[in-house]
Protein backbone atom coordinates (compact mmCIF):
# COMPACT_ATOMS: atom_id res chain seq x y z
CA MET A 1 0.00 0.00 0.00
CA ASN A 2 1.15 3.51 -0.61
CA SER A 3 1.24 6.38 1.86
CA VAL A 4 -1.98 7.96 0.64
CA GLN A 5 -3.93 4.73 1.13
CA ASN A 6 -2.39 4.23 4.59
CA LEU A 7 -3.32 7.78 5.52
CA LYS A 8 -6.92 7.31 4.36
CA GLU A 9 -7.17 4.00 6.21
CA SER A 10 -5.80 5.50 9.44
CA LEU A 11 -8.17 8.47 9.16
CA ASN A 12 -11.09 6.10 8.63
CA GLN A 13 -10.07 4.08 11.69
CA LEU A 14 -9.81 7.23 13.77
CA ASP A 15 -13.17 8.49 12.55
CA GLN A 16 -14.86 5.14 13.22
CA LEU A 17 -13.32 4.91 16.68
CA THR A 18 -14.41 8.47 17.50
CA GLN A 19 -17.95 7.99 16.20
CA ASP A 20 -18.28 4.76 18.16
CA ILE A 21 -17.23 6.40 21.41
CA ILE A 22 -19.49 9.42 20.81
CA SER A 23 -22.50 7.18 20.18
CA ARG A 24 -21.96 5.41 23.53
CA LEU A 25 -20.73 8.41 25.53
CA GLN A 26 -23.68 8.41 27.95
CA PHE A 27 -23.05 4.83 29.04
CA ILE A 28 -19.30 4.50 28.70
CA THR A 29 -17.11 3.38 31.61
CA GLU A 30 -13.76 4.76 32.69
CA GLU A 31 -12.01 1.66 31.35
CA GLU A 32 -13.63 2.02 27.93
CA ILE A 33 -12.62 5.64 27.60
CA LEU A 34 -9.05 4.80 28.64
CA ASP A 35 -9.01 2.08 25.98
CA PHE A 36 -10.26 4.64 23.46
CA VAL A 37 -7.48 7.06 24.41
CA ASP A 38 -4.84 4.36 23.97
CA LYS A 39 -6.17 3.30 20.57
CA ARG A 40 -6.49 6.90 19.45
CA GLU A 41 -2.93 7.65 20.48
CA ALA A 42 -1.64 4.71 18.43
CA ILE A 43 -3.53 5.89 15.34
CA VAL A 44 -2.35 9.47 15.75
CA GLU A 45 1.24 8.23 15.98
CA GLN A 46 0.70 6.39 12.68
CA LEU A 47 -0.70 9.56 11.13
CA GLN A 48 2.43 11.52 12.07
CA SER A 49 4.43 9.63 9.44
CA TYR A 50 1.99 10.70 6.69
CA ARG A 51 2.28 14.46 7.24
CA ASP A 52 3.79 15.01 3.81
CA VAL A 53 0.81 13.54 1.93
CA VAL A 54 -2.05 15.22 3.84
CA THR A 55 -4.46 17.02 1.52
CA ASP A 56 -6.88 19.83 2.26
CA GLN A 57 -9.74 17.31 2.35
CA ASP A 58 -7.79 15.25 4.89
CA ARG A 59 -7.41 18.37 7.03
CA VAL A 60 -11.18 18.90 6.87
CA ASP A 61 -11.73 15.27 7.92
CA ILE A 62 -9.25 15.65 10.79
CA GLN A 63 -10.96 18.84 11.96
CA LYS A 64 -14.33 17.04 11.91
CA ILE A 65 -12.86 14.36 14.18
CA LEU A 66 -11.28 16.99 16.45
CA ASP A 67 -14.64 18.76 16.80
CA CYS A 68 -15.82 15.74 18.81
CA ASP A 69 -13.07 16.29 21.38
CA SER A 70 -15.14 18.72 23.43
CA LEU A 71 -17.81 16.05 24.03
CA ILE A 72 -15.17 13.52 25.04
CA MET A 73 -13.44 16.05 27.31
CA ASN A 74 -16.78 16.80 29.00
CA LYS A 75 -17.14 13.09 29.79
CA LEU A 76 -13.56 12.93 31.10
CA ASN A 77 -14.22 15.96 33.30
CA SER A 78 -17.37 14.27 34.57
CA PHE A 79 -15.32 11.23 35.59
CA LYS A 80 -12.77 13.53 37.24
CA ASP A 81 -15.50 15.33 39.21
CA GLN A 82 -17.00 12.02 40.34
CA ALA A 83 -13.60 10.83 41.53
CA GLY A 84 -13.01 14.11 43.36
CA ASN A 85 -16.39 13.89 45.09
CA TRP A 86 -15.68 10.29 46.09
CA LEU A 87 -12.30 11.28 47.57
CA GLU A 88 -13.89 14.16 49.49
CA LYS A 89 -16.53 11.82 50.88
CA GLN A 90 -13.88 9.29 51.91
CA GLY A 91 -11.91 12.02 53.69
CA SER A 92 -15.02 13.15 55.53
CA ILE A 93 -15.82 9.59 56.56
CA ARG A 94 -12.25 9.12 57.77
CA ASN A 95 -12.44 12.32 59.86
CA GLN A 96 -15.74 11.28 61.43
CA HIS A 97 -14.40 7.82 62.13
CA THR A 98 -11.30 9.26 63.79
CA ALA A 99 -13.37 11.66 65.92
CA TYR A 100 -15.61 8.90 67.26
CA HIS A 101 -12.87 6.36 67.79
CA GLN A 102 -10.23 8.39 69.58
CA SER A 103 -7.87 6.30 71.59
CA TYR A 104 -7.56 7.74 75.07
CA VAL A 105 -4.86 6.97 77.59
CA THR A 106 -6.63 5.14 80.41
CA ASP A 107 -3.80 5.03 82.95
CA SER A 108 -3.49 8.80 83.37
CA PHE A 109 -5.03 10.88 86.13
CA PHE A 110 -5.83 14.48 86.93
CA ILE A 111 -4.54 16.34 90.01
CA ASP A 112 -6.36 19.47 91.14
CA HIS A 113 -3.95 21.79 92.97
CA LEU A 114 -6.59 24.37 93.95
CA LYS A 115 -7.42 24.57 97.66
């Protein structure tokens, strides 16, 4: 295959991968989106070697794919917010647990020096 065909094939893979993830964005898990990011990175690395043969139409196709990034980033930010809220909740639970389960020294005593 020549470079132009490889470029077109890689762009089609990237477009298909992006459209698939966008269609399932509401129900996607963290693992699936991480898998998407890994696959996308591999395709983008392949595309780097075809820079010299990119046409104006290819640039339009790439921009169309990149326009979907904002939707994907919103989902990633949603996952980040959920993780942050979970960590906050765990910290609060830990603080409450510590407050109610203080270990006190039982062999100490108090001396009142007032007469």
